[in-house]
PDB file of N, CA and C in Angstrom:
ATOM      1  N   MET A   1    -154.856  88.839  69.970  1.00  0.00           N
ATOM      2  CA  MET A   1    -154.165  88.129  71.110  1.00  0.00           C
ATOM      3  C   MET A   1    -153.010  87.541  70.247  1.00  0.00           C
ATOM      4  N   GLU A   2    -152.034  87.697  71.023  1.00  0.00           N
ATOM      5  CA  GLU A   2    -150.473  87.793  70.296  1.00  0.00           C
ATOM      6  C   GLU A   2    -150.481  86.012  70.357  1.00  0.00           C
ATOM      7  N   GLN A   3    -149.445  85.746  69.581  1.00  0.00           N
ATOM      8  CA  GLN A   3    -148.910  84.263  69.594  1.00  0.00           C
ATOM      9  C   GLN A   3    -147.521  84.487  69.770  1.00  0.00           C
ATOM     10  N   ILE A   4    -146.880  83.589  70.224  1.00  0.00           N
ATOM     11  CA  ILE A   4    -145.548  83.797  70.282  1.00  0.00           C
ATOM     12  C   ILE A   4    -144.881  81.841  70.045  1.00  0.00           C
ATOM     13  N   THR A   5    -143.801  82.156  69.341  1.00  0.00           N
ATOM     14  CA  THR A   5    -143.264  80.556  68.619  1.00  0.00           C
ATOM     15  C   THR A   5    -142.471  80.060  69.832  1.00  0.00           C
ATOM     16  N   PRO A   6    -141.935  78.612  70.070  1.00  0.00           N
ATOM     17  CA  PRO A   6    -141.097  78.205  71.020  1.00  0.00           C
ATOM     18  C   PRO A   6    -139.802  78.925  71.002  1.00  0.00           C
ATOM     19  N   ARG A   7    -139.066  79.293  69.384  1.00  0.00           N
ATOM     20  CA  ARG A   7    -138.256  79.387  69.272  1.00  0.00           C
ATOM     21  C   ARG A   7    -137.963  81.282  69.422  1.00  0.00           C
ATOM     22  N   LYS A   8    -139.152  81.786  69.408  1.00  0.00           N
ATOM     23  CA  LYS A   8    -139.156  83.305  69.866  1.00  0.00           C
ATOM     24  C   LYS A   8    -139.049  83.258  71.277  1.00  0.00           C
ATOM     25  N   LEU A   9    -140.018  82.317  71.993  1.00  0.00           N
ATOM     26  CA  LEU A   9    -139.897  82.389  73.243  1.00  0.00           C
ATOM     27  C   LEU A   9    -138.362  81.925  73.838  1.00  0.00           C
ATOM     28  N   ALA A  10    -137.758  81.069  73.354  1.00  0.00           N
ATOM     29  CA  ALA A  10    -136.801  80.728  73.394  1.00  0.00           C
ATOM     30  C   ALA A  10    -135.892  82.007  73.488  1.00  0.00           C
ATOM     31  N   ASP A  11    -135.348  82.622  72.531  1.00  0.00           N
ATOM     32  CA  ASP A  11    -134.692  83.917  72.186  1.00  0.00           C
ATOM     33  C   ASP A  11    -135.378  84.960  73.171  1.00  0.00           C
ATOM     34  N   ARG A  12    -136.071  84.928  73.753  1.00  0.00           N
ATOM     35  CA  ARG A  12    -136.637  86.065  74.521  1.00  0.00           C
ATOM     36  C   ARG A  12    -136.275  86.004  75.867  1.00  0.00           C
ATOM     37  N   LEU A  13    -135.946  84.591  76.290  1.00  0.00           N
ATOM     38  CA  LEU A  13    -135.740  83.997  77.678  1.00  0.00           C
ATOM     39  C   LEU A  13    -134.191  83.958  77.636  1.00  0.00           C
ATOM     40  N   GLN A  14    -133.473  84.444  76.689  1.00  0.00           N
ATOM     41  CA  GLN A  14    -132.024  84.852  76.663  1.00  0.00           C
ATOM     42  C   GLN A  14    -131.348  86.207  76.515  1.00  0.00           C
ATOM     43  N   ASP A  15    -132.632  86.907  76.304  1.00  0.00           N
ATOM     44  CA  ASP A  15    -132.067  88.301  76.490  1.00  0.00           C
ATOM     45  C   ASP A  15    -132.050  88.788  77.735  1.00  0.00           C
ATOM     46  N   ALA A  16    -130.965  88.899  78.173  1.00  0.00           N
ATOM     47  CA  ALA A  16    -130.633  89.607  79.635  1.00  0.00           C
ATOM     48  C   ALA A  16    -131.291  91.255  79.795  1.00  0.00           C
ATOM     49  N   GLY A  17    -131.372  91.585  78.426  1.00  0.00           N
ATOM     50  CA  GLY A  17    -131.702  93.129  78.778  1.00  0.00           C
ATOM     51  C   GLY A  17    -133.183  93.373  78.805  1.00  0.00           C
ATOM     52  N   GLN A  18    -133.861  92.393  79.381  1.00  0.00           N
ATOM     53  CA  GLN A  18    -135.217  92.809  79.295  1.00  0.00           C
ATOM     54  C   GLN A  18    -135.746  91.530  80.526  1.00  0.00           C
ATOM     55  N   PRO A  19    -136.426  92.243  81.568  1.00  0.00           N
ATOM     56  CA  PRO A  19    -136.920  91.076  82.667  1.00  0.00           C
ATOM     57  C   PRO A  19    -137.778  90.000  82.032  1.00  0.00           C
ATOM     58  N   ALA A  20    -137.438  88.759  82.454  1.00  0.00           N
ATOM     59  CA  ALA A  20    -138.232  87.542  82.064  1.00  0.00           C
ATOM     60  C   ALA A  20    -139.536  87.845  82.281  1.00  0.00           C
ATOM     61  N   PRO A  21    -140.266  87.382  81.480  1.00  0.00           N
ATOM     62  CA  PRO A  21    -141.769  87.146  81.339  1.00  0.00           C
ATOM     63  C   PRO A  21    -142.523  86.151  82.370  1.00  0.00           C
ATOM     64  N   LEU A  22    -143.058  86.445  82.512  1.00  0.00           N
ATOM     65  CA  LEU A  22    -144.009  85.223  83.620  1.00  0.00           C
ATOM     66  C   LEU A  22    -144.311  84.170  82.501  1.00  0.00           C
ATOM     67  N   LEU A  23    -144.072  82.978  82.960  1.00  0.00           N
ATOM     68  CA  LEU A  23    -144.530  81.807  82.243  1.00  0.00           C
ATOM     69  C   LEU A  23    -145.290  80.977  83.115  1.00  0.00           C
ATOM     70  N   LEU A  24    -146.461  81.465  82.761  1.00  0.00           N
ATOM     71  CA  LEU A  24    -147.686  80.569  83.348  1.00  0.00           C
ATOM     72  C   LEU A  24    -148.300  79.454  82.454  1.00  0.00           C
ATOM     73  N   ASP A  25    -148.133  78.169  83.201  1.00  0.00           N
ATOM     74  CA  ASP A  25    -148.262  76.744  82.573  1.00  0.00           C
ATOM     75  C   ASP A  25    -149.636  76.726  83.188  1.00  0.00           C
ATOM     76  N   VAL A  26    -150.762  76.392  82.654  1.00  0.00           N
ATOM     77  CA  VAL A  26    -151.844  76.034  82.646  1.00  0.00           C
ATOM     78  C   VAL A  26    -152.415  74.207  82.850  1.00  0.00           C
ATOM     79  N   ARG A  27    -151.625  73.557  82.444  1.00  0.00           N
ATOM     80  CA  ARG A  27    -151.618  72.413  82.738  1.00  0.00           C
ATOM     81  C   ARG A  27    -151.900  71.766  84.059  1.00  0.00           C
ATOM     82  N   GLU A  28    -152.488  70.326  84.015  1.00  0.00           N
ATOM     83  CA  GLU A  28    -152.775  69.836  85.373  1.00  0.00           C
ATOM     84  C   GLU A  28    -151.441  69.359  85.815  1.00  0.00           C
ATOM     85  N   PRO A  29    -151.562  69.048  87.127  1.00  0.00           N
ATOM     86  CA  PRO A  29    -149.969  68.511  87.991  1.00  0.00           C
ATOM     87  C   PRO A  29    -149.506  67.354  87.316  1.00  0.00           C
ATOM     88  N   TRP A  30    -150.339  66.325  86.884  1.00  0.00           N
ATOM     89  CA  TRP A  30    -149.509  65.140  86.753  1.00  0.00           C
ATOM     90  C   TRP A  30    -148.789  65.675  85.194  1.00  0.00           C
ATOM     91  N   GLU A  31    -149.317  66.140  84.254  1.00  0.00           N
ATOM     92  CA  GLU A  31    -148.599  67.111  83.255  1.00  0.00           C
ATOM     93  C   GLU A  31    -147.379  67.714  83.280  1.00  0.00           C
ATOM     94  N   LEU A  32    -147.425  68.211  84.513  1.00  0.00           N
ATOM     95  CA  LEU A  32    -146.131  69.365  85.111  1.00  0.00           C
ATOM     96  C   LEU A  32    -145.021  68.503  85.466  1.00  0.00           C
ATOM     97  N   GLU A  33    -145.546  66.862  85.737  1.00  0.00           N
ATOM     98  CA  GLU A  33    -144.683  65.777  86.309  1.00  0.00           C
ATOM     99  C   GLU A  33    -143.792  65.439  85.175  1.00  0.00           C
ATOM    100  N   VAL A  34    -144.288  65.604  83.928  1.00  0.00           N
ATOM    101  CA  VAL A  34    -143.915  64.757  82.657  1.00  0.00           C
ATOM    102  C   VAL A  34    -142.727  65.729  82.044  1.00  0.00           C
ATOM    103  N   CYS A  35    -143.332  67.114  82.318  1.00  0.00           N
ATOM    104  CA  CYS A  35    -142.220  68.002  81.400  1.00  0.00           C
ATOM    105  C   CYS A  35    -142.696  69.553  81.788  1.00  0.00           C
ATOM    106  N   ARG A  36    -141.841  70.570  81.934  1.00  0.00           N
ATOM    107  CA  ARG A  36    -142.136  71.629  82.221  1.00  0.00           C
ATOM    108  C   ARG A  36    -140.847  72.328  81.532  1.00  0.00           C
ATOM    109  N   ILE A  37    -141.132  73.615  81.433  1.00  0.00           N
ATOM    110  CA  ILE A  37    -140.483  74.856  80.878  1.00  0.00           C
ATOM    111  C   ILE A  37    -139.852  75.250  82.012  1.00  0.00           C
ATOM    112  N   SER A  38    -138.219  75.455  82.415  1.00  0.00           N
ATOM    113  CA  SER A  38    -137.644  75.795  83.369  1.00  0.00           C
ATOM    114  C   SER A  38    -138.227  77.119  83.809  1.00  0.00           C
ATOM    115  N   GLY A  39    -138.380  77.743  85.200  1.00  0.00           N
ATOM    116  CA  GLY A  39    -138.869  78.479  85.767  1.00  0.00           C
ATOM    117  C   GLY A  39    -140.339  79.081  85.416  1.00  0.00           C
ATOM    118  N   SER A  40    -141.243  78.255  84.619  1.00  0.00           N
ATOM    119  CA  SER A  40    -142.677  78.210  84.299  1.00  0.00           C
ATOM    120  C   SER A  40    -143.487  78.117  86.147  1.00  0.00           C
ATOM    121  N   GLU A  41    -144.366  78.709  85.799  1.00  0.00           N
ATOM    122  CA  GLU A  41    -145.237  78.777  87.236  1.00  0.00           C
ATOM    123  C   GLU A  41    -146.156  78.059  87.095  1.00  0.00           C
ATOM    124  N   ALA A  42    -147.198  77.347  88.107  1.00  0.00           N
ATOM    125  CA  ALA A  42    -148.078  76.470  87.884  1.00  0.00           C
ATOM    126  C   ALA A  42    -149.592  77.266  88.314  1.00  0.00           C
ATOM    127  N   MET A  43    -150.190  76.969  87.462  1.00  0.00           N
ATOM    128  CA  MET A  43    -151.949  77.248  87.623  1.00  0.00           C
ATOM    129  C   MET A  43    -152.298  76.671  86.920  1.00  0.00           C
ATOM    130  N   PRO A  44    -153.212  75.430  87.122  1.00  0.00           N
ATOM    131  CA  PRO A  44    -154.104  74.764  86.228  1.00  0.00           C
ATOM    132  C   PRO A  44    -154.949  75.833  85.712  1.00  0.00           C
ATOM    133  N   MET A  45    -155.665  75.372  84.552  1.00  0.00           N
ATOM    134  CA  MET A  45    -156.379  75.937  83.939  1.00  0.00           C
ATOM    135  C   MET A  45    -157.934  76.351  84.763  1.00  0.00           C
ATOM    136  N   GLY A  46    -158.496  75.278  85.305  1.00  0.00           N
ATOM    137  CA  GLY A  46    -159.442  75.347  85.921  1.00  0.00           C
ATOM    138  C   GLY A  46    -159.324  76.332  87.289  1.00  0.00           C
ATOM    139  N   SER A  47    -158.550  76.785  87.629  1.00  0.00           N
ATOM    140  CA  SER A  47    -158.181  77.357  88.952  1.00  0.00           C
ATOM    141  C   SER A  47    -157.702  78.872  88.814  1.00  0.00           C
ATOM    142  N   VAL A  48    -157.886  79.141  87.264  1.00  0.00           N
ATOM    143  CA  VAL A  48    -157.536  80.488  86.709  1.00  0.00           C
ATOM    144  C   VAL A  48    -158.440  81.509  87.004  1.00  0.00           C
ATOM    145  N   PRO A  49    -159.840  81.142  87.017  1.00  0.00           N
ATOM    146  CA  PRO A  49    -160.485  82.351  87.291  1.00  0.00           C
ATOM    147  C   PRO A  49    -160.954  82.740  88.741  1.00  0.00           C
ATOM    148  N   ALA A  50    -160.404  81.884  89.467  1.00  0.00           N
ATOM    149  CA  ALA A  50    -160.469  82.294  90.925  1.00  0.00           C
ATOM    150  C   ALA A  50    -159.221  82.734  91.556  1.00  0.00           C
ATOM    151  N   ARG A  51    -158.087  82.613  90.636  1.00  0.00           N
ATOM    152  CA  ARG A  51    -156.597  82.855  91.121  1.00  0.00           C
ATOM    153  C   ARG A  51    -156.145  83.909  90.174  1.00  0.00           C
ATOM    154  N   TRP A  52    -156.767  84.591  88.883  1.00  0.00           N
ATOM    155  CA  TRP A  52    -156.105  85.411  88.202  1.00  0.00           C
ATOM    156  C   TRP A  52    -155.601  86.451  88.868  1.00  0.00           C
ATOM    157  N   MET A  53    -156.220  87.008  90.011  1.00  0.00           N
ATOM    158  CA  MET A  53    -156.005  88.145  90.654  1.00  0.00           C
ATOM    159  C   MET A  53    -154.469  88.186  91.700  1.00  0.00           C
ATOM    160  N   GLU A  54    -154.216  86.781  91.596  1.00  0.00           N
ATOM    161  CA  GLU A  54    -152.534  86.747  91.996  1.00  0.00           C
ATOM    162  C   GLU A  54    -151.687  87.353  91.034  1.00  0.00           C
ATOM    163  N   LEU A  55    -151.930  87.409  89.648  1.00  0.00           N
ATOM    164  CA  LEU A  55    -151.044  87.974  88.868  1.00  0.00           C
ATOM    165  C   LEU A  55    -151.022  89.199  88.722  1.00  0.00           C
ATOM    166  N   ASP A  56    -149.636  89.680  87.881  1.00  0.00           N
ATOM    167  CA  ASP A  56    -149.675  91.197  87.863  1.00  0.00           C
ATOM    168  C   ASP A  56    -149.889  91.482  86.254  1.00  0.00           C
ATOM    169  N   ARG A  57    -151.360  92.178  86.344  1.00  0.00           N
ATOM    170  CA  ARG A  57    -151.805  92.874  84.850  1.00  0.00           C
ATOM    171  C   ARG A  57    -150.774  93.144  84.278  1.00  0.00           C
ATOM    172  N   ASP A  58    -149.851  93.751  84.187  1.00  0.00           N
ATOM    173  CA  ASP A  58    -148.745  94.835  83.958  1.00  0.00           C
ATOM    174  C   ASP A  58    -147.777  93.674  83.464  1.00  0.00           C
ATOM    175  N   ARG A  59    -147.414  92.942  84.100  1.00  0.00           N
ATOM    176  CA  ARG A  59    -146.136  92.040  83.420  1.00  0.00           C
ATOM    177  C   ARG A  59    -146.521  91.230  82.305  1.00  0.00           C
ATOM    178  N   GLU A  60    -145.279  91.247  81.481  1.00  0.00           N
ATOM    179  CA  GLU A  60    -145.282  90.026  80.123  1.00  0.00           C
ATOM    180  C   GLU A  60    -145.503  88.872  80.686  1.00  0.00           C
ATOM    181  N   THR A  61    -146.669  88.053  79.976  1.00  0.00           N
ATOM    182  CA  THR A  61    -146.829  86.924  80.690  1.00  0.00           C
ATOM    183  C   THR A  61    -147.472  85.850  78.970  1.00  0.00           C
ATOM    184  N   VAL A  62    -146.653  84.606  79.360  1.00  0.00           N
ATOM    185  CA  VAL A  62    -146.834  83.971  78.663  1.00  0.00           C
ATOM    186  C   VAL A  62    -147.194  82.771  78.733  1.00  0.00           C
ATOM    187  N   VAL A  63    -148.642  82.427  78.369  1.00  0.00           N
ATOM    188  CA  VAL A  63    -149.362  81.480  78.902  1.00  0.00           C
ATOM    189  C   VAL A  63    -149.097  80.055  77.881  1.00  0.00           C
ATOM    190  N   ILE A  64    -148.883  79.297  78.818  1.00  0.00           N
ATOM    191  CA  ILE A  64    -148.259  77.412  78.159  1.00  0.00           C
ATOM    192  C   ILE A  64    -149.367  76.485  78.764  1.00  0.00           C
ATOM    193  N   CYS A  65    -149.648  75.484  77.678  1.00  0.00           N
ATOM    194  CA  CYS A  65    -150.317  73.975  77.662  1.00  0.00           C
ATOM    195  C   CYS A  65    -149.787  73.385  76.750  1.00  0.00           C
ATOM    196  N   HIS A  66    -150.086  72.055  76.661  1.00  0.00           N
ATOM    197  CA  HIS A  66    -149.620  70.833  76.058  1.00  0.00           C
ATOM    198  C   HIS A  66    -149.431  71.329  74.337  1.00  0.00           C
ATOM    199  N   HIS A  67    -150.516  71.926  73.769  1.00  0.00           N
ATOM    200  CA  HIS A  67    -150.619  72.127  72.425  1.00  0.00           C
ATOM    201  C   HIS A  67    -150.456  73.614  71.901  1.00  0.00           C
ATOM    202  N   GLY A  68    -150.985  74.387  73.093  1.00  0.00           N
ATOM    203  CA  GLY A  68    -151.679  75.780  72.882  1.00  0.00           C
ATOM    204  C   GLY A  68    -153.175  76.293  72.767  1.00  0.00           C
ATOM    205  N   GLY A  69    -153.887  74.979  72.834  1.00  0.00           N
ATOM    206  CA  GLY A  69    -155.526  75.141  72.995  1.00  0.00           C
ATOM    207  C   GLY A  69    -155.856  75.863  74.399  1.00  0.00           C
ATOM    208  N   ARG A  70    -155.501  75.249  75.144  1.00  0.00           N
ATOM    209  CA  ARG A  70    -155.998  75.456  76.935  1.00  0.00           C
ATOM    210  C   ARG A  70    -155.456  77.176  76.760  1.00  0.00           C
ATOM    211  N   SER A  71    -153.989  77.094  76.637  1.00  0.00           N
ATOM    212  CA  SER A  71    -153.304  78.281  77.050  1.00  0.00           C
ATOM    213  C   SER A  71    -153.993  79.726  76.516  1.00  0.00           C
ATOM    214  N   TRP A  72    -154.414  79.360  75.035  1.00  0.00           N
ATOM    215  CA  TRP A  72    -154.936  80.206  74.549  1.00  0.00           C
ATOM    216  C   TRP A  72    -156.604  80.790  74.958  1.00  0.00           C
ATOM    217  N   GLN A  73    -156.824  79.702  75.415  1.00  0.00           N
ATOM    218  CA  GLN A  73    -158.162  80.082  76.051  1.00  0.00           C
ATOM    219  C   GLN A  73    -157.935  81.010  77.180  1.00  0.00           C
ATOM    220  N   VAL A  74    -156.881  80.884  78.215  1.00  0.00           N
ATOM    221  CA  VAL A  74    -156.548  81.425  79.354  1.00  0.00           C
ATOM    222  C   VAL A  74    -156.014  83.014  79.057  1.00  0.00           C
ATOM    223  N   ALA A  75    -155.542  82.681  78.076  1.00  0.00           N
ATOM    224  CA  ALA A  75    -154.824  84.029  77.400  1.00  0.00           C
ATOM    225  C   ALA A  75    -155.864  85.158  77.119  1.00  0.00           C
ATOM    226  N   MET A  76    -156.931  84.534  76.531  1.00  0.00           N
ATOM    227  CA  MET A  76    -158.064  85.391  76.138  1.00  0.00           C
ATOM    228  C   MET A  76    -158.757  85.722  77.566  1.00  0.00           C
ATOM    229  N   PHE A  77    -159.253  85.173  77.981  1.00  0.00           N
ATOM    230  CA  PHE A  77    -159.680  85.385  79.831  1.00  0.00           C
ATOM    231  C   PHE A  77    -158.859  86.423  80.016  1.00  0.00           C
ATOM    232  N   LEU A  78    -157.484  86.361  80.320  1.00  0.00           N
ATOM    233  CA  LEU A  78    -156.604  87.390  80.839  1.00  0.00           C
ATOM    234  C   LEU A  78    -156.683  88.452  80.192  1.00  0.00           C
ATOM    235  N   GLU A  79    -156.601  88.555  79.195  1.00  0.00           N
ATOM    236  CA  GLU A  79    -156.844  89.770  78.190  1.00  0.00           C
ATOM    237  C   GLU A  79    -158.290  90.598  78.614  1.00  0.00           C
ATOM    238  N   ARG A  80    -159.476  89.608  78.708  1.00  0.00           N
ATOM    239  CA  ARG A  80    -160.643  90.311  79.070  1.00  0.00           C
ATOM    240  C   ARG A  80    -160.593  90.718  80.564  1.00  0.00           C
ATOM    241  N   GLN A  81    -159.729  90.612  81.488  1.00  0.00           N
ATOM    242  CA  GLN A  81    -159.528  91.101  83.035  1.00  0.00           C
ATOM    243  C   GLN A  81    -158.470  92.163  82.809  1.00  0.00           C
ATOM    244  N   GLY A  82    -157.984  92.475  81.578  1.00  0.00           N
ATOM    245  CA  GLY A  82    -157.042  93.811  81.756  1.00  0.00           C
ATOM    246  C   GLY A  82    -155.788  93.458  81.542  1.00  0.00           C
ATOM    247  N   PHE A  83    -155.364  92.090  81.448  1.00  0.00           N
ATOM    248  CA  PHE A  83    -153.950  92.275  80.985  1.00  0.00           C
ATOM    249  C   PHE A  83    -153.423  92.670  79.708  1.00  0.00           C
ATOM    250  N   SER A  84    -152.365  93.508  79.594  1.00  0.00           N
ATOM    251  CA  SER A  84    -152.143  94.359  78.553  1.00  0.00           C
ATOM    252  C   SER A  84    -151.000  93.601  78.152  1.00  0.00           C
ATOM    253  N   ARG A  85    -150.375  92.600  78.309  1.00  0.00           N
ATOM    254  CA  ARG A  85    -149.105  92.159  77.986  1.00  0.00           C
ATOM    255  C   ARG A  85    -149.385  90.473  78.139  1.00  0.00           C
ATOM    256  N   VAL A  86    -150.244  89.895  77.143  1.00  0.00           N
ATOM    257  CA  VAL A  86    -150.248  88.604  77.486  1.00  0.00           C
ATOM    258  C   VAL A  86    -150.136  87.936  76.029  1.00  0.00           C
ATOM    259  N   ALA A  87    -149.356  86.210  75.953  1.00  0.00           N
ATOM    260  CA  ALA A  87    -149.332  85.847  74.508  1.00  0.00           C
ATOM    261  C   ALA A  87    -149.587  84.382  74.966  1.00  0.00           C
ATOM    262  N   ASN A  88    -149.955  83.865  74.087  1.00  0.00           N
ATOM    263  CA  ASN A  88    -149.935  82.458  74.047  1.00  0.00           C
ATOM    264  C   ASN A  88    -148.756  81.419  73.410  1.00  0.00           C
ATOM    265  N   LEU A  89    -148.111  80.567  74.002  1.00  0.00           N
ATOM    266  CA  LEU A  89    -147.250  79.995  73.353  1.00  0.00           C
ATOM    267  C   LEU A  89    -147.851  78.733  72.405  1.00  0.00           C
ATOM    268  N   SER A  90    -147.699  79.420  70.905  1.00  0.00           N
ATOM    269  CA  SER A  90    -148.444  78.462  69.908  1.00  0.00           C
ATOM    270  C   SER A  90    -147.365  76.862  70.060  1.00  0.00           C
ATOM    271  N   GLY A  91    -148.395  76.342  69.889  1.00  0.00           N
ATOM    272  CA  GLY A  91    -147.333  74.911  69.727  1.00  0.00           C
ATOM    273  C   GLY A  91    -147.346  74.208  71.593  1.00  0.00           C
ATOM    274  N   GLY A  92    -147.599  74.977  72.475  1.00  0.00           N
ATOM    275  CA  GLY A  92    -147.056  74.628  73.911  1.00  0.00           C
ATOM    276  C   GLY A  92    -146.349  74.079  74.119  1.00  0.00           C
ATOM    277  N   VAL A  93    -145.593  73.238  74.930  1.00  0.00           N
ATOM    278  CA  VAL A  93    -144.548  72.278  75.665  1.00  0.00           C
ATOM    279  C   VAL A  93    -144.361  71.576  74.681  1.00  0.00           C
ATOM    280  N   ALA A  94    -145.517  70.752  73.735  1.00  0.00           N
ATOM    281  CA  ALA A  94    -144.832  69.914  72.574  1.00  0.00           C
ATOM    282  C   ALA A  94    -144.090  70.421  71.374  1.00  0.00           C
ATOM    283  N   GLY A  95    -144.399  71.769  71.014  1.00  0.00           N
ATOM    284  CA  GLY A  95    -143.638  72.640  70.474  1.00  0.00           C
ATOM    285  C   GLY A  95    -142.186  72.980  70.503  1.00  0.00           C
ATOM    286  N   TRP A  96    -142.339  73.401  72.093  1.00  0.00           N
ATOM    287  CA  TRP A  96    -141.062  73.405  72.535  1.00  0.00           C
ATOM    288  C   TRP A  96    -140.344  72.571  72.864  1.00  0.00           C
ATOM    289  N   ALA A  97    -140.883  71.006  72.885  1.00  0.00           N
ATOM    290  CA  ALA A  97    -139.435  69.452  72.696  1.00  0.00           C
ATOM    291  C   ALA A  97    -139.420  69.673  71.591  1.00  0.00           C
ATOM    292  N   ASN A  98    -140.327  70.007  70.386  1.00  0.00           N
ATOM    293  CA  ASN A  98    -140.043  69.776  68.804  1.00  0.00           C
ATOM    294  C   ASN A  98    -138.527  70.949  68.398  1.00  0.00           C
ATOM    295  N   GLU A  99    -138.969  71.905  68.992  1.00  0.00           N
ATOM    296  CA  GLU A  99    -138.400  73.002  68.155  1.00  0.00           C
ATOM    297  C   GLU A  99    -136.882  73.662  69.434  1.00  0.00           C
ATOM    298  N   VAL A 100    -136.986  73.789  70.548  1.00  0.00           N
ATOM    299  CA  VAL A 100    -136.230  73.886  71.551  1.00  0.00           C
ATOM    300  C   VAL A 100    -135.312  72.896  72.484  1.00  0.00           C
ATOM    301  N   ASP A 101    -135.733  72.155  72.923  1.00  0.00           N
ATOM    302  CA  ASP A 101    -135.549  71.148  73.753  1.00  0.00           C
ATOM    303  C   ASP A 101    -135.691  70.014  73.394  1.00  0.00           C
ATOM    304  N   LEU A 102    -134.829  69.271  72.705  1.00  0.00           N
ATOM    305  CA  LEU A 102    -135.211  68.350  72.089  1.00  0.00           C
ATOM    306  C   LEU A 102    -135.296  67.196  73.099  1.00  0.00           C
ATOM    307  N   ASN A 103    -134.496  67.158  74.386  1.00  0.00           N
ATOM    308  CA  ASN A 103    -134.267  65.939  75.124  1.00  0.00           C
ATOM    309  C   ASN A 103    -135.715  66.134  76.203  1.00  0.00           C
ATOM    310  N   MET A 104    -136.236  67.037  76.242  1.00  0.00           N
ATOM    311  CA  MET A 104    -137.632  67.170  76.895  1.00  0.00           C
ATOM    312  C   MET A 104    -138.550  65.807  76.879  1.00  0.00           C
ATOM    313  N   PRO A 105    -138.917  65.340  77.855  1.00  0.00           N
ATOM    314  CA  PRO A 105    -140.067  64.271  77.560  1.00  0.00           C
ATOM    315  C   PRO A 105    -141.289  64.744  77.270  1.00  0.00           C
ATOM    316  N   GLN A 106    -141.912  63.776  76.146  1.00  0.00           N
ATOM    317  CA  GLN A 106    -142.981  64.494  75.750  1.00  0.00           C
ATOM    318  C   GLN A 106    -144.311  63.258  75.787  1.00  0.00           C
ATOM    319  N   TYR A 107    -145.240  63.667  75.847  1.00  0.00           N
ATOM    320  CA  TYR A 107    -146.703  62.942  76.285  1.00  0.00           C
ATOM    321  C   TYR A 107    -147.704  63.052  75.416  1.00  0.00           C
TER     322      TYR A 107
END
């Protein structure tokens, strides 16, 4: 399972020479109301088993949650479904707020 740090993801998102990865946020709707990484798509963790086939197995995908635990579980699930380019955002949006976007609200 690949892990990507918030700083490496921020650098990756700034690289115009590569297609942007799918930022799959698996937090609950109320969490997304507090904060989210721009451009992320919401798919709450509980809905992933019924909805994973909506995603492109070959697209680079970074799974995001609050601290990295739920996203790690979802990323592992996606790997078992044949996703070849999936990573977990280590530290989640909390890490993003502490390392990349210091103005992001936290909870």
